[in-house]
């Protein structure tokens, strides 16, 4: 169940971060509402996941998945540039999380 909480937390964090971009410096009320509600809900779900997960693994997965998703959304939705260096950076982040998980052994 912890992984489901974590996955939902990541999804809400990505939605909130995307809304942050759309809020135009926190000047548009609807995106700001999504930001606030999304982050509050994301942290509440992360807290539930941390009841039974190691904090290092949970936060690493949270960070890596969120970073990869936001990088992809930046390119696909917001027209940001994509370079080989950006792709390599995301790959290295994900590889780091995988190595943490493997090094931690069975849960």
Protein backbone atom coordinates (compact mmCIF):
# COMPACT_ATOMS: atom_id res chain seq x y z
CA UNK A 1 0.00 0.00 0.00
CA UNK A 2 2.92 2.34 0.70
CA UNK A 3 3.96 2.26 -2.95
CA UNK A 4 0.43 3.28 -3.98
CA UNK A 5 0.55 6.20 -1.54
CA UNK A 6 3.94 7.18 -2.90
CA UNK A 7 2.78 6.94 -6.52
CA UNK A 8 -0.26 9.10 -5.80
CA UNK A 9 1.92 11.59 -3.90
CA UNK A 10 4.27 11.85 -6.87
CA UNK A 11 1.38 12.36 -9.30
CA UNK A 12 -0.09 15.14 -7.16
CA UNK A 13 3.30 16.80 -6.74
CA UNK A 14 3.80 16.79 -10.51
CA UNK A 15 0.33 18.27 -11.04
CA UNK A 16 1.02 20.95 -8.43
CA UNK A 17 4.39 21.81 -9.95
CA UNK A 18 2.85 22.07 -13.42
CA UNK A 19 0.18 24.37 -12.01
CA UNK A 20 2.93 26.44 -10.41
CA UNK A 21 4.33 27.06 -13.87
CA UNK A 22 0.86 28.00 -15.13
CA UNK A 23 0.21 30.34 -12.18
CA UNK A 24 2.33 33.11 -13.72
CA UNK A 25 4.19 33.90 -10.52
CA UNK A 26 1.24 32.98 -8.29
CA UNK A 27 -0.96 35.63 -9.93
CA UNK A 28 -3.69 33.37 -11.37
CA UNK A 29 -6.13 32.10 -8.71
CA UNK A 30 -7.11 28.71 -10.18
CA UNK A 31 -3.58 27.46 -10.77
CA UNK A 32 -2.61 28.75 -7.30
CA UNK A 33 -5.47 26.75 -5.77
CA UNK A 34 -4.23 23.62 -7.59
CA UNK A 35 -0.69 24.32 -6.33
CA UNK A 36 -1.75 24.62 -2.69
CA UNK A 37 -4.18 21.69 -2.69
CA UNK A 38 -1.83 19.52 -4.74
CA UNK A 39 1.18 20.03 -2.49
CA UNK A 40 -0.84 19.57 0.72
CA UNK A 41 -2.35 16.33 -0.58
CA UNK A 42 1.01 15.14 -1.94
CA UNK A 43 2.74 15.63 1.40
CA UNK A 44 -0.12 13.97 3.26
CA UNK A 45 0.21 10.92 1.00
CA UNK A 46 4.00 10.95 1.32
CA UNK A 47 3.57 10.94 5.11
CA UNK A 48 1.36 7.85 4.82
CA UNK A 49 3.93 6.11 2.62
CA UNK A 50 6.67 6.89 5.15
CA UNK A 51 4.83 4.98 7.86
CA UNK A 52 6.26 1.76 6.44
CA UNK A 53 8.90 2.83 3.88
CA UNK A 54 12.47 3.90 4.44
CA UNK A 55 12.66 7.67 4.14
CA UNK A 56 15.77 7.55 1.92
CA UNK A 57 14.14 5.26 -0.62
CA UNK A 58 10.78 7.04 -0.56
CA UNK A 59 12.32 10.48 -1.00
CA UNK A 60 14.71 9.28 -3.70
CA UNK A 61 11.85 7.75 -5.69
CA UNK A 62 9.73 10.87 -5.09
CA UNK A 63 12.52 13.13 -6.31
CA UNK A 64 13.57 11.09 -9.33
CA UNK A 65 10.08 10.33 -10.59
CA UNK A 66 8.99 13.92 -10.08
CA UNK A 67 12.08 15.29 -11.80
CA UNK A 68 11.69 12.96 -14.78
CA UNK A 69 7.98 13.70 -15.12
CA UNK A 70 8.41 17.47 -14.83
CA UNK A 71 11.27 17.43 -17.34
CA UNK A 72 9.04 15.56 -19.81
CA UNK A 73 6.09 17.88 -19.17
CA UNK A 74 8.36 20.87 -19.63
CA UNK A 75 9.29 19.65 -23.09
CA UNK A 76 5.89 18.30 -24.18
CA UNK A 77 3.55 20.89 -22.65
CA UNK A 78 5.57 24.04 -22.06
CA UNK A 79 7.82 23.86 -25.15
CA UNK A 80 11.08 23.73 -23.23
CA UNK A 81 14.19 22.56 -25.03
CA UNK A 82 15.49 19.02 -24.82
CA UNK A 83 19.18 18.27 -25.05
CA UNK A 84 21.32 15.19 -24.70
CA UNK A 85 22.72 16.63 -21.46
CA UNK A 86 19.22 16.99 -19.97
CA UNK A 87 18.37 13.42 -20.92
CA UNK A 88 21.65 12.18 -19.43
CA UNK A 89 20.92 14.10 -16.22
CA UNK A 90 17.53 12.46 -15.79
CA UNK A 91 18.98 9.03 -16.60
CA UNK A 92 21.67 9.53 -13.95
CA UNK A 93 19.08 10.58 -11.36
CA UNK A 94 17.00 7.48 -12.05
CA UNK A 95 20.11 5.28 -11.98
CA UNK A 96 21.01 6.75 -8.59
CA UNK A 97 17.59 5.88 -7.19
CA UNK A 98 17.79 2.35 -8.54
CA UNK A 99 21.22 1.91 -6.93
CA UNK A 100 19.86 3.16 -3.58
CA UNK A 101 16.99 0.72 -3.77
CA UNK A 102 19.23 -2.20 -4.68
CA UNK A 103 21.76 -1.31 -1.98
CA UNK A 104 18.99 -1.21 0.61
CA UNK A 105 18.17 -4.88 0.12
CA UNK A 106 14.73 -6.39 0.55
CA UNK A 107 12.12 -4.28 2.33
